[in-house]
N, C-alpha and C. Protein backbone atom coordinates (compact mmCIF):
# COMPACT_ATOMS: atom_id res chain seq x y z
N UNK A 1 16.59 16.67 -7.53
CA UNK A 1 16.20 15.32 -8.04
C UNK A 1 17.05 15.00 -9.44
N UNK A 2 17.92 14.02 -9.72
CA UNK A 2 18.76 13.61 -10.50
C UNK A 2 17.69 13.22 -11.75
N UNK A 3 17.26 13.44 -12.66
CA UNK A 3 16.32 13.18 -14.11
C UNK A 3 17.30 12.55 -15.00
N UNK A 4 16.51 11.75 -15.72
CA UNK A 4 17.01 10.78 -16.89
C UNK A 4 15.95 10.26 -17.88
N UNK A 5 15.74 10.34 -19.09
CA UNK A 5 14.82 10.05 -19.92
C UNK A 5 14.01 8.60 -19.45
N UNK A 6 12.87 8.44 -19.83
CA UNK A 6 12.30 7.35 -19.88
C UNK A 6 13.07 6.30 -20.50
N UNK A 7 13.17 6.52 -21.96
CA UNK A 7 13.80 5.86 -23.04
C UNK A 7 15.50 5.14 -22.19
N UNK A 8 15.98 5.83 -21.58
CA UNK A 8 17.41 5.56 -21.06
C UNK A 8 17.23 4.54 -19.85
N UNK A 9 16.23 4.75 -19.05
CA UNK A 9 16.07 4.02 -17.81
C UNK A 9 15.56 2.55 -18.06
N UNK A 10 14.58 2.56 -18.98
CA UNK A 10 14.10 1.25 -19.05
C UNK A 10 14.64 0.03 -19.04
N UNK A 11 16.40 -0.20 -20.06
CA UNK A 11 17.10 -0.98 -20.09
C UNK A 11 17.51 -1.99 -18.27
N UNK A 12 17.54 -0.49 -17.31
CA UNK A 12 17.85 -1.36 -16.47
C UNK A 12 16.74 -1.42 -15.61
N UNK A 13 15.24 -1.46 -15.81
CA UNK A 13 14.59 -1.82 -15.13
C UNK A 13 14.22 -3.49 -15.16
N UNK A 14 14.19 -4.30 -14.14
CA UNK A 14 13.38 -5.54 -14.56
C UNK A 14 11.94 -5.75 -15.19
N UNK A 15 11.83 -6.69 -15.70
CA UNK A 15 10.38 -6.60 -16.49
C UNK A 15 9.44 -7.03 -15.68
N UNK A 16 9.52 -8.05 -14.72
CA UNK A 16 8.62 -9.18 -13.92
C UNK A 16 9.21 -9.24 -12.59
N UNK A 17 8.61 -10.04 -11.43
CA UNK A 17 9.12 -9.48 -10.04
C UNK A 17 8.97 -8.79 -9.03
N UNK A 18 9.19 -9.06 -8.07
CA UNK A 18 9.32 -7.89 -7.02
C UNK A 18 10.57 -7.10 -6.86
N UNK A 19 10.48 -6.03 -7.25
CA UNK A 19 11.89 -4.92 -7.19
C UNK A 19 11.26 -3.72 -6.53
N UNK A 20 12.41 -3.10 -5.88
CA UNK A 20 12.02 -1.82 -5.63
C UNK A 20 12.76 -0.89 -6.38
N UNK A 21 12.04 0.18 -7.24
CA UNK A 21 12.48 1.20 -7.75
C UNK A 21 12.54 2.38 -7.32
N UNK A 22 14.19 2.97 -7.13
CA UNK A 22 13.78 4.10 -5.98
C UNK A 22 15.15 5.22 -6.91
N UNK A 23 15.14 6.33 -6.41
CA UNK A 23 16.47 7.17 -6.67
C UNK A 23 16.69 7.42 -5.10
N UNK A 24 17.85 6.79 -5.00
CA UNK A 24 18.88 6.78 -3.81
C UNK A 24 20.35 7.04 -4.17
N UNK A 25 21.29 7.53 -2.64
CA UNK A 25 22.21 7.52 -2.88
C UNK A 25 22.68 6.56 -1.32
N UNK A 26 23.94 7.17 -1.17
CA UNK A 26 24.65 6.32 -0.02
C UNK A 26 23.68 6.49 1.06
N UNK A 27 23.25 7.50 1.27
CA UNK A 27 22.48 7.81 2.83
C UNK A 27 20.89 8.26 2.68
N UNK A 28 20.59 8.32 1.41
CA UNK A 28 19.03 8.46 1.65
C UNK A 28 18.42 7.99 0.17
N UNK A 29 16.99 8.02 0.36
CA UNK A 29 16.23 7.15 -0.57
C UNK A 29 14.95 8.47 -0.60
N UNK A 30 14.53 8.23 -1.86
CA UNK A 30 13.43 9.21 -2.24
C UNK A 30 12.24 8.47 -2.17
N UNK A 31 11.23 8.97 -1.60
CA UNK A 31 9.71 8.24 -1.65
C UNK A 31 8.75 9.35 -2.04
N UNK A 32 7.58 9.05 -2.98
CA UNK A 32 6.49 9.90 -3.27
C UNK A 32 5.04 10.27 -2.21
N UNK A 33 4.54 10.88 -2.23
CA UNK A 33 3.28 10.95 -1.98
C UNK A 33 2.35 12.02 -2.47
N UNK A 34 1.12 12.21 -2.72
CA UNK A 34 0.51 13.16 -3.19
C UNK A 34 -0.53 13.41 -2.17
N UNK A 35 -1.24 15.02 -2.01
CA UNK A 35 -2.05 15.27 -0.76
C UNK A 35 -2.98 16.77 -1.93
N UNK A 36 -3.69 17.16 -1.34
CA UNK A 36 -4.25 18.42 -1.32
C UNK A 36 -3.26 19.14 -1.04
N UNK A 37 -3.73 20.89 -1.60
CA UNK A 37 -2.73 21.71 -1.56
C UNK A 37 -2.32 22.04 0.31
N UNK A 38 -3.32 22.15 0.98
CA UNK A 38 -3.00 22.69 1.77
C UNK A 38 -2.03 22.17 2.72
N UNK A 39 -2.00 20.87 2.50
CA UNK A 39 -1.12 19.39 3.14
C UNK A 39 0.09 20.01 2.76
N UNK A 40 0.36 20.10 1.36
CA UNK A 40 1.52 19.90 0.61
C UNK A 40 2.52 21.44 1.12
N UNK A 41 1.45 22.68 1.14
CA UNK A 41 2.23 23.82 1.35
C UNK A 41 2.78 23.83 2.91
N UNK A 42 2.42 23.07 3.66
CA UNK A 42 2.40 23.20 5.10
C UNK A 42 3.56 22.35 5.23
N UNK A 43 3.81 21.16 4.60
CA UNK A 43 4.85 20.31 4.71
C UNK A 43 6.30 20.68 3.77
N UNK A 44 5.93 21.54 2.67
CA UNK A 44 7.16 22.31 2.18
C UNK A 44 7.58 23.36 2.99
N UNK A 45 6.97 24.23 3.58
CA UNK A 45 7.12 25.51 4.36
C UNK A 45 7.86 25.26 5.52
N UNK A 46 7.24 24.01 6.27
CA UNK A 46 7.78 23.81 7.45
C UNK A 46 8.91 22.38 7.09
N UNK A 47 9.07 21.79 6.18
CA UNK A 47 10.10 21.04 5.89
C UNK A 47 9.64 19.93 6.85
N UNK A 48 8.71 19.54 7.29
CA UNK A 48 7.95 18.16 7.89
C UNK A 48 6.34 18.17 8.42
N UNK A 49 5.97 17.04 8.17
CA UNK A 49 4.34 17.32 8.19
C UNK A 49 3.73 17.59 8.98
N UNK A 50 2.26 18.35 9.08
CA UNK A 50 1.85 19.05 9.99
C UNK A 50 0.52 19.48 9.59
N UNK A 51 0.04 20.62 10.67
CA UNK A 51 -1.27 21.09 9.87
C UNK A 51 -2.53 20.51 10.03
N UNK A 52 -3.00 20.27 8.64
CA UNK A 52 -4.01 19.47 8.09
C UNK A 52 -3.47 17.83 8.10
N UNK A 53 -2.48 17.22 8.25
CA UNK A 53 -1.82 16.25 7.99
C UNK A 53 -2.31 15.57 8.99
N UNK A 54 -2.48 14.24 9.33
CA UNK A 54 -3.04 13.31 9.85
C UNK A 54 -2.25 12.53 10.64
N UNK A 55 -1.77 12.42 11.89
CA UNK A 55 -0.66 11.45 12.65
C UNK A 55 -2.19 10.34 12.97
N UNK A 56 -3.02 10.35 12.90
CA UNK A 56 -3.95 9.42 13.23
C UNK A 56 -4.51 8.59 12.45
N UNK A 57 -4.03 8.52 11.21
CA UNK A 57 -4.61 7.68 10.21
C UNK A 57 -3.47 6.97 9.48
N UNK A 58 -3.20 5.83 8.83
CA UNK A 58 -2.27 5.27 7.76
C UNK A 58 -1.64 6.11 6.87
N UNK A 59 -0.67 6.48 6.39
CA UNK A 59 -0.08 7.17 5.24
C UNK A 59 0.70 6.42 4.58
N UNK A 60 0.54 6.29 3.00
CA UNK A 60 1.27 5.50 2.41
C UNK A 60 2.25 5.96 1.27
N UNK A 61 3.43 5.22 1.54
CA UNK A 61 4.33 6.11 0.72
C UNK A 61 4.84 5.12 -0.14
N UNK A 62 5.23 5.84 -1.47
CA UNK A 62 5.67 5.17 -2.52
C UNK A 62 6.66 5.45 -3.12
N UNK A 63 8.24 4.49 -3.28
CA UNK A 63 9.91 4.98 -3.81
C UNK A 63 9.49 5.00 -5.31
N UNK A 64 8.41 4.33 -5.97
CA UNK A 64 8.68 4.24 -7.47
C UNK A 64 7.91 5.52 -8.00
N UNK A 65 8.53 6.51 -8.92
CA UNK A 65 7.81 7.80 -9.25
C UNK A 65 6.55 7.23 -10.08
N UNK A 66 6.80 6.22 -11.27
CA UNK A 66 5.74 5.95 -12.35
C UNK A 66 4.42 5.54 -11.44
N UNK A 67 4.42 4.37 -10.16
CA UNK A 67 3.68 4.33 -9.42
C UNK A 67 2.83 5.13 -9.06
N UNK A 68 3.24 6.10 -8.12
CA UNK A 68 3.04 7.50 -7.70
C UNK A 68 1.87 7.99 -8.81
N UNK A 69 2.46 8.26 -9.74
CA UNK A 69 1.59 8.80 -11.05
C UNK A 69 0.40 8.14 -11.48
N UNK A 70 0.58 6.96 -11.56
CA UNK A 70 -0.70 6.18 -11.68
C UNK A 70 -1.74 6.21 -10.83
N UNK A 71 -1.40 6.38 -9.17
CA UNK A 71 -2.29 6.26 -8.50
C UNK A 71 -2.91 7.66 -8.34
N UNK A 72 -1.76 8.74 -8.20
CA UNK A 72 -2.77 10.08 -8.56
C UNK A 72 -2.70 10.88 -9.60
N UNK A 73 -2.94 9.91 -10.74
CA UNK A 73 -3.27 10.54 -11.98
C UNK A 73 -2.46 11.45 -12.38
N UNK A 74 -1.14 11.55 -12.25
CA UNK A 74 -0.36 12.77 -13.00
C UNK A 74 -0.73 13.47 -12.28
N UNK A 75 -1.26 13.92 -10.87
CA UNK A 75 -1.66 15.15 -10.21
C UNK A 75 -2.95 15.53 -10.69
N UNK A 76 -3.87 14.89 -11.04
CA UNK A 76 -4.83 14.83 -11.80
C UNK A 76 -6.73 14.75 -11.05
N UNK A 77 -5.97 14.11 -10.31
CA UNK A 77 -7.06 13.50 -9.17
C UNK A 77 -7.17 14.25 -7.83
N UNK A 78 -8.68 14.32 -7.75
CA UNK A 78 -9.03 15.27 -6.28
C UNK A 78 -8.21 14.40 -5.04
N UNK A 79 -7.80 15.73 -4.29
CA UNK A 79 -7.26 15.34 -2.98
C UNK A 79 -5.91 15.01 -3.26
N UNK A 80 -5.22 14.80 -4.62
CA UNK A 80 -4.08 14.27 -5.05
C UNK A 80 -3.42 15.34 -6.00
N UNK A 81 -3.42 16.50 -5.76
CA UNK A 81 -3.16 17.59 -6.66
C UNK A 81 -1.85 17.83 -6.85
N UNK A 82 -1.15 17.79 -5.73
CA UNK A 82 -0.12 18.33 -5.53
C UNK A 82 1.07 17.00 -5.44
N UNK A 83 2.08 17.01 -5.93
CA UNK A 83 3.18 15.37 -5.70
C UNK A 83 4.59 16.33 -4.90
N UNK A 84 4.41 15.31 -4.00
CA UNK A 84 6.02 15.61 -3.34
C UNK A 84 6.75 14.85 -2.86
N UNK A 85 8.22 14.63 -3.30
CA UNK A 85 9.08 13.91 -3.60
C UNK A 85 9.79 13.91 -1.82
N UNK A 86 9.91 13.36 -0.74
CA UNK A 86 10.38 12.97 0.25
C UNK A 86 11.63 12.34 0.38
N UNK A 87 12.64 13.30 0.54
CA UNK A 87 14.19 12.22 1.01
C UNK A 87 14.36 11.58 2.36
N UNK A 88 14.39 10.65 2.52
CA UNK A 88 14.26 9.75 3.50
C UNK A 88 15.87 9.23 4.08
N UNK A 89 16.22 9.01 5.16
CA UNK A 89 17.53 8.38 5.71
C UNK A 89 17.77 6.88 5.36
N UNK A 90 18.18 6.23 4.45
CA UNK A 90 18.35 5.15 4.07
C UNK A 90 18.28 4.02 4.99
N UNK A 91 19.01 4.35 6.47
CA UNK A 91 18.45 3.71 7.37
C UNK A 91 17.28 3.21 8.16
N UNK A 92 16.61 4.47 7.92
CA UNK A 92 15.32 4.62 8.71
C UNK A 92 14.27 3.97 7.45
N UNK A 93 15.02 3.95 6.04
CA UNK A 93 13.77 3.08 5.30
C UNK A 93 14.26 1.73 5.44
N UNK A 94 15.24 1.39 5.58
CA UNK A 94 14.94 -0.13 5.96
C UNK A 94 14.72 -0.64 6.78
N UNK A 95 14.79 0.02 8.20
CA UNK A 95 14.12 -0.38 9.20
C UNK A 95 12.60 -0.46 8.97
N UNK A 96 11.66 0.38 8.11
CA UNK A 96 10.39 0.36 7.60
C UNK A 96 10.35 -0.70 7.03
N UNK A 97 11.15 -1.32 5.87
CA UNK A 97 11.06 -2.72 5.53
C UNK A 97 11.18 -3.63 6.48
N UNK A 98 11.98 -3.75 7.17
CA UNK A 98 12.14 -4.67 8.17
C UNK A 98 10.98 -4.91 9.10
N UNK A 99 10.33 -3.86 9.39
CA UNK A 99 8.99 -4.01 10.28
C UNK A 99 7.69 -4.39 9.59
N UNK A 100 7.70 -4.34 8.06
CA UNK A 100 6.56 -4.44 7.22
C UNK A 100 5.86 -5.76 7.60
N UNK A 101 4.64 -6.01 7.66
CA UNK A 101 3.68 -6.79 7.80
C UNK A 101 2.36 -6.82 6.74
N UNK A 102 2.28 -7.71 5.66
CA UNK A 102 1.61 -7.51 4.26
C UNK A 102 0.31 -7.21 4.78
N UNK A 103 -0.64 -6.77 4.34
CA UNK A 103 -1.79 -6.21 4.13
C UNK A 103 -2.68 -7.07 4.21
N UNK A 104 -2.23 -8.31 3.48
CA UNK A 104 -3.26 -9.55 3.55
C UNK A 104 -2.52 -10.88 4.14
N UNK A 105 -3.42 -11.58 4.58
CA UNK A 105 -2.92 -12.83 4.62
C UNK A 105 -1.91 -13.71 4.15
N UNK A 106 -0.67 -14.22 4.09
CA UNK A 106 0.33 -14.78 3.55
C UNK A 106 0.62 -16.07 4.20
N UNK A 107 0.25 -17.00 3.44
CA UNK A 107 0.57 -18.41 4.33
C UNK A 107 1.99 -18.77 3.94
N UNK A 108 2.65 -18.28 2.99
CA UNK A 108 4.09 -18.35 3.23
C UNK A 108 4.93 -17.80 4.38
N UNK A 109 4.60 -16.94 4.52
CA UNK A 109 5.16 -16.35 5.85
C UNK A 109 4.34 -16.79 7.55
N UNK A 110 3.04 -16.91 7.27
CA UNK A 110 2.54 -16.93 8.73
C UNK A 110 1.93 -18.44 8.70
N UNK A 111 1.98 -19.28 9.92
CA UNK A 111 1.28 -20.48 10.20
C UNK A 111 -0.43 -20.34 10.13
N UNK A 112 -1.00 -19.44 10.56
CA UNK A 112 -2.28 -19.16 10.52
C UNK A 112 -2.65 -17.69 10.29
N UNK A 113 -4.03 -17.58 10.33
CA UNK A 113 -4.30 -16.30 10.04
C UNK A 113 -4.38 -15.68 11.21
N UNK A 114 -4.49 -16.12 12.24
CA UNK A 114 -4.60 -15.76 13.68
C UNK A 114 -2.99 -14.87 13.97
N UNK A 115 -2.22 -15.88 13.41
CA UNK A 115 -0.63 -15.27 13.53
C UNK A 115 -0.12 -13.86 12.69
N UNK A 116 -0.85 -13.95 11.66
CA UNK A 116 -0.90 -12.74 10.98
C UNK A 116 -1.41 -11.53 11.51
N UNK A 117 -2.88 -11.81 11.98
CA UNK A 117 -3.22 -10.97 12.82
C UNK A 117 -2.47 -10.15 13.66
N UNK A 118 -2.08 -10.95 14.46
CA UNK A 118 -1.39 -10.59 15.56
C UNK A 118 0.03 -9.60 15.00
N UNK A 119 0.61 -10.53 13.79
CA UNK A 119 1.51 -9.35 13.56
C UNK A 119 1.27 -8.18 13.28
N UNK A 120 0.03 -8.34 12.25
CA UNK A 120 -0.72 -7.13 11.97
C UNK A 120 -1.01 -5.92 13.23
N UNK A 121 -1.35 -6.21 14.16
CA UNK A 121 -1.64 -5.19 15.38
C UNK A 121 -0.23 -5.14 15.85
N UNK A 122 0.71 -5.60 16.05
CA UNK A 122 2.05 -5.23 16.46
C UNK A 122 2.71 -4.42 15.79
N UNK A 123 2.62 -4.46 14.41
CA UNK A 123 3.51 -3.32 13.57
C UNK A 123 2.97 -2.42 13.41
N UNK A 124 3.75 -1.19 12.73
CA UNK A 124 3.34 0.35 12.32
C UNK A 124 3.42 0.21 11.23
N UNK A 125 3.66 -0.90 10.15
CA UNK A 125 4.20 -0.74 8.96
C UNK A 125 3.27 -1.84 8.03
N UNK A 126 2.59 -1.28 6.86
CA UNK A 126 1.94 -2.18 6.10
C UNK A 126 2.59 -2.91 4.75
N UNK A 127 2.94 -3.94 3.99
CA UNK A 127 3.18 -3.88 2.86
C UNK A 127 2.28 -3.99 1.84
N UNK A 128 2.40 -3.55 0.76
CA UNK A 128 1.57 -3.80 -0.61
C UNK A 128 2.39 -3.87 -1.54
N UNK A 129 2.21 -5.12 -2.40
CA UNK A 129 2.59 -5.68 -3.71
C UNK A 129 2.15 -5.33 -4.50
N UNK A 130 1.73 -4.37 -5.52
CA UNK A 130 0.73 -4.01 -6.35
C UNK A 130 1.51 -4.32 -8.13
N UNK A 131 0.58 -4.39 -9.12
CA UNK A 131 1.47 -4.22 -10.36
C UNK A 131 1.83 -3.22 -10.78
N UNK A 132 3.11 -2.79 -10.93
CA UNK A 132 3.46 -1.25 -11.71
C UNK A 132 2.86 -1.28 -12.42
N UNK A 133 2.86 0.11 -13.03
CA UNK A 133 2.11 0.78 -14.39
C UNK A 133 3.53 1.47 -14.92
N UNK A 134 3.10 1.80 -16.47
CA UNK A 134 3.96 2.26 -17.43
C UNK A 134 3.25 3.70 -17.43
N UNK A 135 4.09 4.54 -17.83
CA UNK A 135 3.33 6.05 -18.04
C UNK A 135 2.04 6.56 -18.56
N UNK A 136 1.61 5.44 -19.54
CA UNK A 136 0.51 5.56 -19.77
C UNK A 136 -1.09 4.74 -18.96
N UNK A 137 0.01 4.48 -17.86
CA UNK A 137 -1.56 3.65 -17.24
C UNK A 137 -1.62 2.24 -17.05
N UNK A 138 -0.65 1.95 -18.28
CA UNK A 138 -1.15 -0.03 -18.38
C UNK A 138 -0.36 -0.60 -17.29
N UNK A 139 -0.96 -1.68 -16.95
CA UNK A 139 -0.16 -2.54 -15.71
C UNK A 139 0.95 -3.88 -16.53
N UNK A 140 2.04 -3.51 -15.59
CA UNK A 140 3.10 -4.51 -15.88
C UNK A 140 3.31 -5.74 -15.45
N UNK A 141 3.67 -6.49 -15.46
CA UNK A 141 4.17 -7.73 -14.66
C UNK A 141 5.08 -7.73 -13.51
N UNK A 142 5.90 -6.54 -13.64
CA UNK A 142 6.36 -6.32 -12.43
C UNK A 142 5.61 -5.89 -11.65
N UNK A 143 6.39 -6.12 -9.93
CA UNK A 143 5.53 -5.48 -8.88
C UNK A 143 5.99 -4.48 -8.27
N UNK A 144 5.10 -3.29 -8.16
CA UNK A 144 6.02 -2.21 -7.09
C UNK A 144 5.36 -2.11 -5.79
N UNK A 145 6.15 -1.44 -4.92
CA UNK A 145 6.08 -1.58 -3.14
C UNK A 145 5.40 -0.43 -2.66
N UNK A 146 4.17 -0.73 -1.98
CA UNK A 146 4.00 0.68 -1.08
C UNK A 146 4.04 0.35 0.25
N UNK A 147 4.20 1.04 0.87
CA UNK A 147 4.08 0.58 2.63
C UNK A 147 3.46 2.25 3.67
N UNK A 148 2.45 1.27 4.03
CA UNK A 148 1.54 2.17 4.88
C UNK A 148 2.31 2.00 6.21
N UNK A 149 2.24 3.67 6.94
CA UNK A 149 2.90 3.67 8.02
C UNK A 149 2.16 4.52 9.00
N UNK A 150 2.20 4.37 10.22
CA UNK A 150 1.19 4.71 11.16
C UNK A 150 1.62 4.63 12.50
N UNK A 151 1.21 5.15 13.87
CA UNK A 151 1.78 5.04 14.77
C UNK A 151 3.21 5.67 14.99
N UNK A 152 4.11 4.99 15.87
CA UNK A 152 5.39 6.03 16.04
C UNK A 152 6.36 5.80 14.59
N UNK A 153 5.88 4.96 13.59
CA UNK A 153 6.75 5.01 12.16
C UNK A 153 6.10 6.12 11.53
N UNK A 154 5.29 6.60 11.64
CA UNK A 154 4.62 7.81 10.76
C UNK A 154 4.87 9.05 11.49
N UNK A 155 4.97 9.15 12.94
CA UNK A 155 5.70 10.26 13.47
C UNK A 155 7.11 10.34 13.03
N UNK A 156 8.00 9.04 12.72
CA UNK A 156 9.21 9.29 12.55
C UNK A 156 9.36 9.98 11.13
N UNK A 157 8.73 9.46 10.32
CA UNK A 157 8.41 9.71 8.71
C UNK A 157 8.48 11.32 9.29
N UNK A 158 7.32 11.88 9.13
CA UNK A 158 6.72 12.91 9.08
C UNK A 158 7.87 14.03 9.83
N UNK A 159 8.68 13.91 11.14
CA UNK A 159 9.05 14.99 11.71
C UNK A 159 10.52 14.85 11.64
N UNK A 160 11.11 13.31 11.97
CA UNK A 160 12.34 12.77 12.36
C UNK A 160 13.24 12.56 11.51
N UNK A 161 13.02 11.69 10.54
CA UNK A 161 14.01 10.86 9.74
C UNK A 161 14.09 11.34 8.64
N UNK A 162 13.41 12.33 8.25
CA UNK A 162 13.13 12.71 6.79
C UNK A 162 14.07 13.85 6.25
N UNK A 163 14.52 14.27 5.48
CA UNK A 163 16.02 14.87 5.46
C UNK A 163 15.24 16.14 4.08
N UNK A 164 14.42 15.91 3.40
CA UNK A 164 13.65 17.01 2.32
C UNK A 164 12.40 17.36 2.04
N UNK A 165 11.86 17.81 1.92
CA UNK A 165 10.12 18.04 1.23
C UNK A 165 10.35 18.67 0.05
N UNK A 166 10.35 18.12 -0.82
CA UNK A 166 10.30 18.81 -2.39
C UNK A 166 8.68 19.19 -3.05
N UNK A 167 8.08 20.07 -3.43
CA UNK A 167 6.66 19.67 -4.38
C UNK A 167 7.31 19.93 -5.89
N UNK A 168 7.23 18.73 -6.29
CA UNK A 168 7.41 18.17 -7.84
C UNK A 168 6.28 18.60 -8.70
N UNK A 169 5.37 19.08 -8.17
CA UNK A 169 3.79 19.27 -9.31
C UNK A 169 4.29 19.57 -10.70
N UNK A 170 5.17 20.77 -10.61
CA UNK A 170 5.05 21.64 -11.94
C UNK A 170 6.15 20.74 -12.82
N UNK A 171 7.18 19.66 -12.45
CA UNK A 171 7.61 18.73 -13.01
C UNK A 171 6.71 18.01 -13.53
N UNK A 172 5.49 17.59 -12.38
CA UNK A 172 4.99 16.34 -13.03
C UNK A 172 4.20 17.00 -14.40
N UNK A 173 3.19 17.88 -14.24
CA UNK A 173 2.29 18.28 -14.90
C UNK A 173 3.06 18.95 -16.15
N UNK A 174 4.63 19.06 -16.15
CA UNK A 174 5.54 19.40 -17.25
C UNK A 174 5.27 18.10 -18.16
N UNK A 175 5.76 16.95 -17.62
CA UNK A 175 6.13 15.85 -17.84
C UNK A 175 4.82 14.88 -18.35
N UNK A 176 4.00 15.48 -17.89
CA UNK A 176 2.40 14.81 -18.18
C UNK A 176 2.23 14.74 -19.51
N UNK A 177 2.79 16.13 -20.13
CA UNK A 177 2.49 16.36 -21.42
C UNK A 177 3.12 15.52 -22.50
N UNK A 178 3.76 14.87 -22.19
CA UNK A 178 4.79 14.20 -23.45
C UNK A 178 4.35 12.46 -22.85
N UNK A 179 3.07 12.34 -21.96
CA UNK A 179 2.90 10.93 -22.12
C UNK A 179 1.70 10.56 -23.38
N UNK A 180 0.94 11.20 -23.78
CA UNK A 180 0.35 10.73 -24.93
C UNK A 180 1.34 10.43 -26.37
N UNK A 181 2.46 11.04 -26.42
CA UNK A 181 2.85 10.83 -27.57
C UNK A 181 3.86 9.32 -27.32
N UNK A 182 4.88 9.43 -28.12
CA UNK A 182 5.82 8.21 -28.38
C UNK A 182 6.86 8.07 -27.06
N UNK A 183 6.75 8.64 -25.98
CA UNK A 183 7.59 8.68 -24.88
C UNK A 183 9.00 9.32 -24.72
N UNK A 184 9.67 9.40 -26.15
CA UNK A 184 10.65 9.42 -26.61
C UNK A 184 11.41 11.33 -25.29
N UNK A 185 10.22 11.92 -25.30
CA UNK A 185 10.28 13.22 -25.02
C UNK A 185 10.34 13.23 -22.96
N UNK A 186 10.17 11.82 -23.05
CA UNK A 186 9.19 11.98 -21.07
C UNK A 186 10.77 11.63 -20.22
N UNK A 187 10.99 12.30 -19.35
CA UNK A 187 11.77 12.67 -18.58
C UNK A 187 11.12 12.53 -16.95
N UNK A 188 11.91 11.28 -16.29
CA UNK A 188 11.46 10.93 -14.91
C UNK A 188 12.69 11.01 -14.07
N UNK A 189 12.42 11.22 -12.76
CA UNK A 189 13.24 11.00 -12.20
C UNK A 189 13.79 9.69 -12.07
N UNK A 190 15.52 9.91 -11.69
CA UNK A 190 16.41 8.40 -12.18
C UNK A 190 16.19 7.32 -11.76
N UNK A 191 15.82 6.30 -11.61
CA UNK A 191 15.64 5.24 -10.69
C UNK A 191 16.16 3.74 -11.01
N UNK A 192 16.73 3.25 -10.04
CA UNK A 192 17.13 1.62 -10.20
C UNK A 192 16.88 1.01 -9.32
N UNK A 193 16.90 -0.28 -9.42
CA UNK A 193 16.63 -1.41 -8.30
C UNK A 193 17.50 -1.08 -6.95
N UNK A 194 16.79 -0.74 -6.32
CA UNK A 194 17.16 -0.67 -4.75
C UNK A 194 17.06 -1.98 -4.02
N UNK A 195 18.18 -2.37 -3.40
CA UNK A 195 18.19 -3.58 -2.91
C UNK A 195 18.72 -2.97 -1.10
N UNK A 196 17.75 -3.56 0.06
CA UNK A 196 18.16 -2.96 1.08
C UNK A 196 19.05 -4.23 2.14
N UNK A 197 19.25 -3.88 3.24
CA UNK A 197 19.99 -4.79 4.23
C UNK A 197 19.34 -6.25 4.31
N UNK A 198 20.06 -7.54 4.28
CA UNK A 198 19.45 -8.91 3.87
C UNK A 198 18.09 -9.34 4.75
N UNK A 199 18.05 -8.63 5.91
CA UNK A 199 16.90 -8.93 6.95
C UNK A 199 15.60 -7.99 5.76
N UNK A 200 15.92 -6.76 5.65
CA UNK A 200 14.67 -6.65 5.11
C UNK A 200 14.38 -7.27 3.72
N UNK A 201 15.29 -7.65 2.96
CA UNK A 201 15.04 -8.54 1.91
C UNK A 201 14.38 -9.79 2.07
N UNK A 202 14.55 -10.40 2.99
CA UNK A 202 13.81 -11.54 3.51
C UNK A 202 12.77 -11.06 3.87
N UNK A 203 12.24 -10.37 4.45
CA UNK A 203 11.20 -9.68 5.32
C UNK A 203 9.96 -9.47 4.11
N UNK A 204 10.53 -8.78 3.05
CA UNK A 204 9.21 -8.10 1.99
C UNK A 204 9.34 -9.04 0.98
N UNK A 205 10.15 -9.93 0.64
CA UNK A 205 10.08 -10.98 -0.16
C UNK A 205 10.32 -10.64 -1.71
N UNK A 206 11.83 -9.64 -1.38
CA UNK A 206 12.10 -9.12 -3.03
C UNK A 206 12.34 -10.57 -3.98
N UNK A 207 12.35 -9.77 -5.27
CA UNK A 207 12.60 -11.50 -6.18
C UNK A 207 14.24 -11.32 -5.86
N UNK A 208 14.17 -12.75 -5.97
CA UNK A 208 16.40 -13.04 -5.70
C UNK A 208 16.71 -12.33 -6.95
N UNK A 209 16.42 -12.21 -7.69
CA UNK A 209 17.03 -11.56 -9.04
C UNK A 209 17.81 -10.20 -8.96
N UNK A 210 17.00 -9.79 -7.74
CA UNK A 210 17.09 -8.35 -7.22
C UNK A 210 18.42 -8.08 -6.21
N UNK A 211 18.70 -9.42 -5.84
CA UNK A 211 19.65 -9.69 -4.51
C UNK A 211 21.32 -9.45 -5.27
């Protein structure tokens, strides 16, 4: 991972709107998940998901590091003691975005509740925009994305379209020690606004300022 201080990154992050903050390059993008030790250890050892990991339930991925820290309590919540950084192919991630259907009915996108329900049934990807959170856990005006995968998309994520899995729990715990201070010592994965292809932008409802 490429690291950068929280202080240096903040000027590059929008304060409001729907944006994808992520670490990425021309070919890949990093997403995060939190698991109990058995699942994490298998994933790191085999560089794919298996063992106690279930392909029969929805699994949520988050490209925003601080959003993952908020949900996992900086690796302190039960069942989320290990934080994994999963590097995905960018073209696969954009495909996930194009296939995403909101978790709740959106009248701006669907003519009726029935149309939305049909779309949900046909898609293997759920989309949620939630309030992003700062390092200390306070909610922000900016929205963060999380994506739920199931079925064929989850299988591709877990075995075929990932480029690497890293257990970053020691780094997470090290940085958590700086959260209660003034944050000048806090270091995070370097993230910038990620803009996918035009079809994905339109499908997930990115804020126009991100384009």
